[in-house]
């Protein structure tokens, strides 16, 4: 029996499995698809996600797949400068989600079990059992549901998922082009919202292109309807003129601006993360990163629970910390959705927002939010933020800088440094010098283990 069952082999589920493995916990990943789809899906890693991958030695194998390093993010297509952010990675990486998934999966020691569709979920006070469509079942003490916006696990749990349905719809597709005008689709640029119809084309390499489009036609069609080549060609022509010609549609999907979030991220022994916990319009490059960071916050806490040293409330702090972060992203993406509407009054608001983003302090605040670098857990201005330059160990332990903590060596590694800090395995500060070190250790890392008498004598 694995320690944790992870349902869903997208970036959130795979990142959760990586974090559990890092902490010495055995995770088994199930996915309903028989193989990787290869669909590009999300295309951007924000600076905080880049930091997290670098800390785990996962950035280097991803770099050959990077299509662009963008020194900015965007808020509904309005450029937001990243160049002065306090990070070693003051840029957004343009890279396909599919490549991120490949790197994460290749890092796992236990292969993903594919073609395993979950059709039932039962739990008691000791384990979770997932019934599969082939008649078999898999059990584990805990489960992570990371099976996407149409999460089967969420539905099977009957978890409340309030919010609103889509009010407008777009199409995203990967395609090839038989012909294109000079300069069209040559590089990565910001989407141009506010114009009608929307048509955003950028290169993926190997003769492939991503095309995002939406207009009056898309609002009239059934959201479950297939996307025919003729519809894609009409959108290409409307956006780029008569000299562009579609080759092949590699995949296409309709999506909208539905906005929903779970009321609770924990349901007994099942924790939900990524799109299974929250959905929103994929604008501003937030979705992939939100899911990765859910997994990093959850992974070490769930590992502590499995290993038996988690203090009371640690696993519940996953919901407490991550729910407000996603709620803020839903606010941001709904605001950005409004700014995409090509109406005169909205364009006036868009002009005002653009001017405000150009003010240095306002631009920096927005950049810190979009990049993920500004995330802070809790209300203490000295705690909860990311630790910046503190290197995390490969075994998932916390880091204590410039102090000593006898009895926590199995959970905390001590390093020298000028500024006393206690840094959680997810890179966030939970003590910053002064009194209270023992209280912080106990709150986040459980009771100390007495050192052997021989060790005490030597010290």
Protein backbone atom coordinates (compact mmCIF):
# COMPACT_ATOMS: atom_id res chain seq x y z
CA UNK A 1 0.00 0.00 0.00
CA UNK A 2 1.39 3.44 -0.88
CA UNK A 3 1.46 6.16 1.79
CA UNK A 4 -0.46 8.59 -0.42
CA UNK A 5 -2.63 8.11 -3.48
CA UNK A 6 -2.41 11.00 -5.96
CA UNK A 7 -5.24 11.19 -8.50
CA UNK A 8 -4.23 13.14 -11.60
CA UNK A 9 -0.90 13.30 -13.44
CA UNK A 10 -1.07 16.95 -14.40
CA UNK A 11 1.46 19.41 -13.01
CA UNK A 12 -0.27 19.70 -9.63
CA UNK A 13 -0.48 15.97 -8.99
CA UNK A 14 3.04 15.32 -10.22
CA UNK A 15 4.44 18.17 -8.12
CA UNK A 16 2.64 16.80 -5.06
CA UNK A 17 4.20 13.39 -5.71
CA UNK A 18 7.64 14.97 -6.11
CA UNK A 19 7.26 16.77 -2.77
CA UNK A 20 6.13 13.61 -1.01
CA UNK A 21 8.99 11.61 -2.51
CA UNK A 22 11.41 14.35 -1.44
CA UNK A 23 10.24 13.90 2.15
CA UNK A 24 10.62 10.12 2.04
CA UNK A 25 6.94 9.29 1.54
CA UNK A 26 5.74 6.76 -1.02
CA UNK A 27 3.19 8.26 -3.42
CA UNK A 28 1.33 6.45 -6.21
CA UNK A 29 -0.02 8.60 -9.06
CA UNK A 30 -3.07 7.48 -11.06
CA UNK A 31 -4.32 9.12 -14.24
CA UNK A 32 -7.36 8.26 -16.32
CA UNK A 33 -5.65 8.99 -19.65
CA UNK A 34 -3.82 6.02 -21.20
CA UNK A 35 -0.82 8.20 -22.14
CA UNK A 36 0.46 11.76 -21.96
CA UNK A 37 -1.63 13.90 -24.25
CA UNK A 38 1.23 16.09 -25.45
CA UNK A 39 -1.15 19.06 -25.54
CA UNK A 40 0.70 22.28 -24.76
CA UNK A 41 -1.97 23.68 -22.39
CA UNK A 42 -0.55 26.40 -20.08
CA UNK A 43 2.49 28.25 -21.38
CA UNK A 44 4.05 30.23 -18.56
CA UNK A 45 6.00 29.71 -15.34
CA UNK A 46 5.98 32.70 -13.03
CA UNK A 47 9.12 33.66 -11.05
CA UNK A 48 8.03 32.00 -7.80
CA UNK A 49 7.38 28.72 -9.59
CA UNK A 50 10.77 29.00 -11.28
CA UNK A 51 12.36 29.44 -7.83
CA UNK A 52 10.61 26.34 -6.52
CA UNK A 53 11.72 24.22 -9.48
CA UNK A 54 15.30 25.51 -9.13
CA UNK A 55 15.34 24.60 -5.40
CA UNK A 56 14.42 21.04 -6.36
CA UNK A 57 16.96 20.69 -9.21
CA UNK A 58 14.07 20.57 -11.68
CA UNK A 59 14.80 23.77 -13.56
CA UNK A 60 17.91 22.63 -15.40
CA UNK A 61 16.22 19.72 -17.25
CA UNK A 62 13.38 22.07 -18.22
CA UNK A 63 15.55 24.78 -19.77
CA UNK A 64 16.01 23.07 -23.18
CA UNK A 65 12.24 23.31 -23.65
CA UNK A 66 11.95 27.01 -22.80
CA UNK A 67 10.72 29.09 -25.74
CA UNK A 68 11.11 32.55 -24.17
CA UNK A 69 12.26 34.43 -21.08
CA UNK A 70 9.90 37.34 -20.65
CA UNK A 71 11.00 40.16 -18.29
CA UNK A 72 7.37 40.93 -17.62
CA UNK A 73 3.98 39.48 -16.87
CA UNK A 74 0.67 40.88 -17.92
CA UNK A 75 -2.64 41.92 -16.43
CA UNK A 76 -5.23 41.34 -19.16
CA UNK A 77 -2.55 42.10 -21.73
CA UNK A 78 -1.24 45.19 -19.87
CA UNK A 79 2.53 44.79 -19.44
CA UNK A 80 3.74 44.42 -15.83
CA UNK A 81 7.51 44.79 -15.37
CA UNK A 82 9.37 41.96 -13.59
CA UNK A 83 12.94 43.15 -14.17
CA UNK A 84 13.42 44.68 -10.69
CA UNK A 85 11.78 41.89 -8.66
CA UNK A 86 13.77 40.54 -5.67
CA UNK A 87 14.62 37.14 -7.15
CA UNK A 88 17.34 35.40 -9.12
CA UNK A 89 14.65 34.76 -11.77
CA UNK A 90 13.06 38.15 -12.61
CA UNK A 91 11.24 36.81 -15.61
CA UNK A 92 8.47 34.52 -16.77
CA UNK A 93 9.50 31.37 -18.59
CA UNK A 94 7.57 30.58 -21.75
CA UNK A 95 7.35 26.80 -21.72
CA UNK A 96 4.60 24.32 -22.47
CA UNK A 97 2.83 22.67 -19.55
CA UNK A 98 3.41 19.34 -21.28
CA UNK A 99 7.17 19.80 -20.93
CA UNK A 100 6.80 20.67 -17.24
CA UNK A 101 4.82 17.48 -16.73
CA UNK A 102 7.48 15.43 -18.49
CA UNK A 103 10.25 16.78 -16.25
CA UNK A 104 8.25 16.19 -13.08
CA UNK A 105 7.22 12.68 -14.07
CA UNK A 106 10.77 11.75 -15.05
CA UNK A 107 11.85 12.76 -11.53
CA UNK A 108 9.55 10.22 -9.88
CA UNK A 109 10.89 6.84 -8.82
CA UNK A 110 7.45 5.19 -9.01
CA UNK A 111 5.87 5.15 -12.49
CA UNK A 112 2.51 6.82 -13.03
CA UNK A 113 -0.28 4.27 -13.48
CA UNK A 114 -2.16 5.40 -16.58
CA UNK A 115 -5.56 4.37 -17.87
CA UNK A 116 -6.86 4.24 -14.28
CA UNK A 117 -10.18 6.08 -14.02
CA UNK A 118 -11.48 6.64 -10.49
CA UNK A 119 -15.22 5.88 -10.21
CA UNK A 120 -15.69 5.68 -6.43
CA UNK A 121 -14.05 7.06 -3.30
CA UNK A 122 -14.57 5.61 0.16
CA UNK A 123 -12.74 6.45 3.37
CA UNK A 124 -12.73 5.50 7.02
CA UNK A 125 -10.58 6.53 9.98
CA UNK A 126 -7.55 4.70 8.58
CA UNK A 127 -7.50 4.91 4.78
CA UNK A 128 -8.95 6.07 1.48
CA UNK A 129 -9.97 3.56 -1.18
CA UNK A 130 -10.35 4.56 -4.82
CA UNK A 131 -12.46 2.22 -6.93
CA UNK A 132 -11.38 2.09 -10.56
CA UNK A 133 -13.36 1.64 -13.76
CA UNK A 134 -11.65 -1.70 -14.46
CA UNK A 135 -13.14 -3.17 -11.27
CA UNK A 136 -9.98 -2.98 -9.17
CA UNK A 137 -9.28 -0.63 -6.28
CA UNK A 138 -6.29 1.10 -4.68
CA UNK A 139 -6.03 2.18 -1.04
CA UNK A 140 -3.71 4.48 0.91
CA UNK A 141 -3.81 6.31 4.26
CA UNK A 142 -4.34 9.63 2.43
CA UNK A 143 -5.22 10.85 -1.06
CA UNK A 144 -4.56 14.02 -3.04
CA UNK A 145 -7.16 14.86 -5.70
CA UNK A 146 -5.47 16.81 -8.48
CA UNK A 147 -7.69 15.60 -11.31
CA UNK A 148 -8.53 18.94 -12.88
CA UNK A 149 -11.41 21.33 -13.27
CA UNK A 150 -13.89 18.49 -13.91
CA UNK A 151 -12.55 16.53 -10.93
CA UNK A 152 -14.19 13.14 -10.53
CA UNK A 153 -12.98 12.92 -6.94
CA UNK A 154 -14.54 16.28 -6.08
CA UNK A 155 -17.87 15.12 -7.53
CA UNK A 156 -17.71 11.76 -5.79
CA UNK A 157 -17.08 13.49 -2.45
CA UNK A 158 -20.03 15.81 -3.04
CA UNK A 159 -17.77 18.74 -2.18
CA UNK A 160 -19.39 22.19 -2.43
CA UNK A 161 -17.86 24.13 -5.33
CA UNK A 162 -19.58 27.52 -5.33
CA UNK A 163 -19.02 30.27 -7.86
CA UNK A 164 -20.45 31.21 -11.21
CA UNK A 165 -20.68 29.63 -14.64
CA UNK A 166 -18.98 30.98 -17.75
CA UNK A 167 -20.32 34.20 -19.19
CA UNK A 168 -18.22 34.20 -22.34
CA UNK A 169 -16.23 31.57 -24.20
CA UNK A 170 -12.96 31.26 -26.07
CA UNK A 171 -11.15 28.55 -28.02
CA UNK A 172 -7.56 27.44 -27.57
CA UNK A 173 -5.81 25.24 -30.12
CA UNK A 174 -2.42 23.95 -31.18
CA UNK A 175 -2.07 23.93 -34.95
CA UNK A 176 0.22 24.06 -37.94
CA UNK A 177 0.06 26.68 -40.67
CA UNK A 178 0.24 26.02 -44.40
CA UNK A 179 0.89 29.71 -45.07
CA UNK A 180 1.36 32.87 -43.01
CA UNK A 181 2.29 36.49 -43.65
CA UNK A 182 5.82 37.65 -42.87
CA UNK A 183 6.21 38.53 -39.19
CA UNK A 184 3.02 36.82 -38.01
CA UNK A 185 3.66 34.23 -35.32
CA UNK A 186 7.41 34.88 -35.25
CA UNK A 187 7.82 35.50 -31.52
CA UNK A 188 6.21 35.68 -28.12
CA UNK A 189 4.28 38.86 -27.41
CA UNK A 190 1.54 39.95 -25.05
CA UNK A 191 -2.05 39.22 -26.06
CA UNK A 192 -3.93 42.27 -27.35
CA UNK A 193 -7.20 42.33 -25.46
CA UNK A 194 -9.78 45.01 -26.03
CA UNK A 195 -9.95 44.41 -29.78
CA UNK A 196 -12.67 42.36 -31.45
CA UNK A 197 -12.34 39.61 -32.39
CA UNK A 198 -9.51 38.26 -30.23
CA UNK A 199 -6.82 36.25 -32.05
CA UNK A 200 -3.53 35.50 -30.29
CA UNK A 201 -0.91 33.46 -32.18
CA UNK A 202 2.53 32.45 -30.94
CA UNK A 203 5.10 29.81 -31.94
CA UNK A 204 5.69 26.61 -29.99
CA UNK A 205 8.53 25.25 -32.10
CA UNK A 206 8.68 22.37 -34.53
CA UNK A 207 6.22 24.09 -36.86
CA UNK A 208 3.51 24.21 -34.18
CA UNK A 209 1.63 27.31 -33.05
CA UNK A 210 -0.72 28.16 -30.20
CA UNK A 211 -3.82 30.08 -31.26
CA UNK A 212 -6.28 31.59 -28.79
CA UNK A 213 -9.39 33.17 -30.23
CA UNK A 214 -12.86 34.32 -29.38
CA UNK A 215 -15.62 36.46 -30.86
CA UNK A 216 -19.35 36.56 -31.42
CA UNK A 217 -19.39 33.13 -33.10
CA UNK A 218 -17.87 31.37 -30.10
CA UNK A 219 -20.51 32.79 -27.75
CA UNK A 220 -23.29 31.14 -29.76
CA UNK A 221 -21.86 27.62 -29.87
CA UNK A 222 -22.38 24.72 -27.50
CA UNK A 223 -19.35 24.64 -25.15
CA UNK A 224 -19.11 20.86 -25.64
CA UNK A 225 -19.16 21.09 -29.44
CA UNK A 226 -16.01 20.06 -31.35
CA UNK A 227 -13.91 22.80 -32.92
CA UNK A 228 -13.93 22.31 -36.70
CA UNK A 229 -11.07 23.44 -38.91
CA UNK A 230 -13.36 25.88 -40.74
CA UNK A 231 -14.03 27.76 -37.48
CA UNK A 232 -10.30 28.01 -36.76
CA UNK A 233 -9.62 29.27 -40.30
CA UNK A 234 -12.28 31.96 -39.95
CA UNK A 235 -10.69 33.15 -36.72
CA UNK A 236 -7.19 33.15 -38.23
CA UNK A 237 -8.41 35.22 -41.17
CA UNK A 238 -10.26 37.67 -38.93
CA UNK A 239 -7.17 38.19 -36.77
CA UNK A 240 -4.37 38.11 -39.35
CA UNK A 241 -5.88 38.72 -42.76
CA UNK A 242 -6.52 36.60 -45.87
CA UNK A 243 -2.90 35.50 -46.37
CA UNK A 244 -2.83 33.08 -43.44
CA UNK A 245 -3.85 29.46 -44.06
CA UNK A 246 -4.45 26.69 -41.57
CA UNK A 247 -2.53 23.45 -41.91
CA UNK A 248 -3.70 20.96 -39.28
CA UNK A 249 -5.56 21.34 -35.99
CA UNK A 250 -3.50 19.28 -33.52
CA UNK A 251 -5.95 19.74 -30.67
CA UNK A 252 -8.58 22.28 -29.73
CA UNK A 253 -10.74 23.02 -26.72
CA UNK A 254 -13.47 25.45 -25.77
CA UNK A 255 -13.25 27.14 -22.39
CA UNK A 256 -14.84 30.03 -20.55
CA UNK A 257 -14.51 32.40 -17.64
CA UNK A 258 -16.27 30.21 -15.05
CA UNK A 259 -15.00 31.05 -11.58
CA UNK A 260 -15.41 28.56 -8.71
CA UNK A 261 -13.60 27.52 -5.55
CA UNK A 262 -14.06 24.76 -3.02
CA UNK A 263 -15.37 25.77 0.38
CA UNK A 264 -12.96 23.30 1.99
CA UNK A 265 -9.73 21.89 0.57
CA UNK A 266 -9.69 18.99 3.03
CA UNK A 267 -12.37 16.31 3.15
CA UNK A 268 -11.28 13.82 5.77
CA UNK A 269 -8.28 11.98 4.37
CA UNK A 270 -8.67 13.53 0.91
CA UNK A 271 -6.96 16.84 0.08
CA UNK A 272 -7.85 18.67 -3.14
CA UNK A 273 -5.42 20.85 -5.09
CA UNK A 274 -5.00 22.73 -8.35
CA UNK A 275 -7.96 22.98 -10.71
CA UNK A 276 -9.80 20.38 -8.63
CA UNK A 277 -9.95 23.04 -5.90
CA UNK A 278 -10.40 26.20 -7.98
CA UNK A 279 -11.13 27.19 -11.58
CA UNK A 280 -10.87 30.56 -13.31
CA UNK A 281 -10.24 32.17 -16.66
CA UNK A 282 -6.65 31.29 -17.67
CA UNK A 283 -5.54 34.89 -18.13
CA UNK A 284 -2.43 36.48 -16.65
CA UNK A 285 -0.55 33.16 -16.43
CA UNK A 286 -1.88 32.13 -13.00
CA UNK A 287 -3.43 28.65 -13.22
CA UNK A 288 -0.40 26.38 -13.67
CA UNK A 289 1.53 28.28 -11.02
CA UNK A 290 -1.31 28.27 -8.52
CA UNK A 291 -1.51 24.48 -8.77
CA UNK A 292 2.24 23.95 -8.45
CA UNK A 293 2.32 26.13 -5.35
CA UNK A 294 -0.69 24.32 -3.84
CA UNK A 295 1.30 21.10 -4.19
CA UNK A 296 4.43 22.55 -2.57
CA UNK A 297 2.45 23.89 0.39
CA UNK A 298 0.61 20.60 0.85
CA UNK A 299 3.41 18.13 0.18
CA UNK A 300 5.58 18.60 3.26
CA UNK A 301 2.58 18.87 5.58
CA UNK A 302 1.03 15.66 4.29
CA UNK A 303 4.42 13.93 4.52
CA UNK A 304 4.67 15.02 8.17
CA UNK A 305 1.21 13.58 8.82
CA UNK A 306 2.15 10.27 7.23
CA UNK A 307 5.46 10.09 9.11
CA UNK A 308 3.73 10.74 12.42
CA UNK A 309 5.35 13.95 13.60
CA UNK A 310 2.85 16.53 12.33
CA UNK A 311 1.67 18.79 15.16
CA UNK A 312 -2.09 19.29 15.59
CA UNK A 313 -3.55 21.47 12.87
CA UNK A 314 -0.61 21.27 10.48
CA UNK A 315 -2.52 19.46 7.73
CA UNK A 316 -5.49 21.80 8.13
CA UNK A 317 -3.16 24.77 7.62
CA UNK A 318 -3.00 23.77 3.94
CA UNK A 319 -6.57 25.01 3.50
CA UNK A 320 -6.05 27.98 5.82
CA UNK A 321 -3.06 29.22 3.83
CA UNK A 322 -3.91 28.32 0.26
CA UNK A 323 -7.64 29.10 0.10
CA UNK A 324 -7.10 32.89 0.43
CA UNK A 325 -4.35 32.79 -2.22
CA UNK A 326 -6.65 31.17 -4.77
CA UNK A 327 -9.53 33.46 -3.78
CA UNK A 328 -7.31 36.43 -4.63
CA UNK A 329 -6.41 34.89 -8.00
CA UNK A 330 -10.11 34.45 -8.76
CA UNK A 331 -10.63 38.14 -8.04
CA UNK A 332 -7.69 39.02 -10.28
CA UNK A 333 -8.79 36.87 -13.20
CA UNK A 334 -12.39 38.10 -13.02
CA UNK A 335 -11.13 41.68 -13.12
CA UNK A 336 -8.91 40.83 -16.08
CA UNK A 337 -11.84 39.19 -17.86
CA UNK A 338 -13.81 42.43 -17.63
CA UNK A 339 -10.92 44.31 -19.24
CA UNK A 340 -10.99 42.01 -22.29
CA UNK A 341 -14.48 43.17 -23.33
CA UNK A 342 -14.20 45.31 -26.50
CA UNK A 343 -16.70 48.00 -25.46
CA UNK A 344 -15.99 51.76 -25.33
CA UNK A 345 -16.57 52.09 -21.58
CA UNK A 346 -14.35 49.11 -20.83
CA UNK A 347 -11.64 50.50 -23.10
CA UNK A 348 -11.78 53.72 -21.08
CA UNK A 349 -11.28 51.75 -17.86
CA UNK A 350 -8.47 49.81 -19.53
CA UNK A 351 -6.70 53.08 -20.38
CA UNK A 352 -6.92 54.18 -16.74
CA UNK A 353 -5.64 50.82 -15.45
CA UNK A 354 -2.74 50.95 -17.89
CA UNK A 355 -1.79 54.39 -16.57
CA UNK A 356 -1.97 53.20 -12.97
CA UNK A 357 0.19 50.14 -13.66
CA UNK A 358 2.78 52.57 -15.04
CA UNK A 359 3.13 54.17 -11.59
CA UNK A 360 6.21 52.54 -10.04
CA UNK A 361 4.75 51.46 -6.70
CA UNK A 362 1.47 50.26 -8.20
CA UNK A 363 3.31 48.34 -10.90
CA UNK A 364 5.58 46.71 -8.32
CA UNK A 365 2.66 45.62 -6.12
CA UNK A 366 0.94 44.04 -9.12
CA UNK A 367 4.18 42.41 -10.25
CA UNK A 368 4.72 40.86 -6.82
CA UNK A 369 1.18 39.46 -6.91
CA UNK A 370 1.27 38.07 -10.45
CA UNK A 371 4.76 36.61 -10.03
CA UNK A 372 3.83 34.78 -6.82
CA UNK A 373 6.72 36.41 -4.97
CA UNK A 374 4.39 38.47 -2.80
CA UNK A 375 2.53 35.53 -1.24
CA UNK A 376 2.63 35.76 2.55
CA UNK A 377 0.94 33.33 4.93
CA UNK A 378 -0.54 34.92 8.04
CA UNK A 379 -0.73 38.50 9.27
CA UNK A 380 2.72 38.94 10.85
CA UNK A 381 4.70 41.33 8.60
CA UNK A 382 7.97 39.57 9.56
CA UNK A 383 6.77 36.02 8.91
CA UNK A 384 5.05 34.00 6.20
CA UNK A 385 6.94 35.40 3.24
CA UNK A 386 9.41 33.48 1.09
CA UNK A 387 12.95 33.17 2.40
CA UNK A 388 14.62 34.29 -0.80
CA UNK A 389 18.22 33.12 -0.97
CA UNK A 390 18.04 30.33 1.65
CA UNK A 391 18.82 27.03 -0.09
CA UNK A 392 16.48 24.16 0.75
CA UNK A 393 17.93 20.68 1.36
CA UNK A 394 17.05 17.86 -1.07
CA UNK A 395 15.45 15.69 1.63
CA UNK A 396 12.49 17.94 2.38
CA UNK A 397 13.66 19.18 5.78
CA UNK A 398 13.23 22.72 7.05
CA UNK A 399 16.25 25.03 7.41
CA UNK A 400 17.33 26.77 10.61
CA UNK A 401 19.77 29.59 9.90
CA UNK A 402 22.11 30.90 12.60
CA UNK A 403 20.60 29.00 15.54
CA UNK A 404 20.55 25.58 17.18
CA UNK A 405 17.57 23.24 17.67
CA UNK A 406 18.48 20.02 19.49
CA UNK A 407 15.85 17.34 19.09
CA UNK A 408 14.59 18.33 15.63
CA UNK A 409 17.50 17.10 13.51
CA UNK A 410 15.29 14.65 11.62
CA UNK A 411 13.07 17.53 10.50
CA UNK A 412 15.35 20.57 10.50
CA UNK A 413 18.85 21.08 9.09
CA UNK A 414 21.03 23.75 10.70
CA UNK A 415 23.15 26.10 8.60
CA UNK A 416 25.25 29.18 9.34
CA UNK A 417 24.07 32.60 8.32
CA UNK A 418 24.03 36.22 9.40
CA UNK A 419 20.28 36.49 9.92
CA UNK A 420 18.51 33.96 12.17
CA UNK A 421 15.63 32.35 10.30
CA UNK A 422 13.52 29.20 10.42
CA UNK A 423 12.41 28.30 6.90
CA UNK A 424 9.74 25.71 6.20
CA UNK A 425 10.27 23.07 3.48
CA UNK A 426 8.09 25.16 1.13
CA UNK A 427 10.52 28.08 1.47
CA UNK A 428 8.40 30.31 3.72
CA UNK A 429 9.74 31.90 6.93
CA UNK A 430 8.13 30.84 10.22
CA UNK A 431 10.61 32.43 12.69
CA UNK A 432 12.87 35.43 12.20
CA UNK A 433 15.10 35.72 15.26
CA UNK A 434 14.38 36.77 18.82
CA UNK A 435 12.34 34.75 21.33
CA UNK A 436 9.93 32.08 20.27
CA UNK A 437 12.14 29.63 18.39
CA UNK A 438 10.99 26.60 20.40
CA UNK A 439 7.35 27.63 19.97
CA UNK A 440 7.80 27.96 16.21
CA UNK A 441 9.52 24.59 16.00
CA UNK A 442 6.75 22.92 17.95
CA UNK A 443 4.00 24.65 15.98
CA UNK A 444 5.34 23.63 12.59
CA UNK A 445 7.49 20.55 13.27
CA UNK A 446 5.99 18.81 16.29
CA UNK A 447 7.56 17.74 19.54
CA UNK A 448 11.33 17.48 19.87
CA UNK A 449 12.92 14.05 20.06
CA UNK A 450 15.28 13.83 23.06
CA UNK A 451 18.90 13.44 22.03
CA UNK A 452 20.66 10.26 23.16
CA UNK A 453 22.54 10.58 26.45
CA UNK A 454 25.90 10.08 24.66
CA UNK A 455 25.15 13.01 22.35
CA UNK A 456 24.27 15.24 25.29
CA UNK A 457 27.51 14.31 27.04
CA UNK A 458 29.62 15.16 23.98
CA UNK A 459 27.96 18.56 23.65
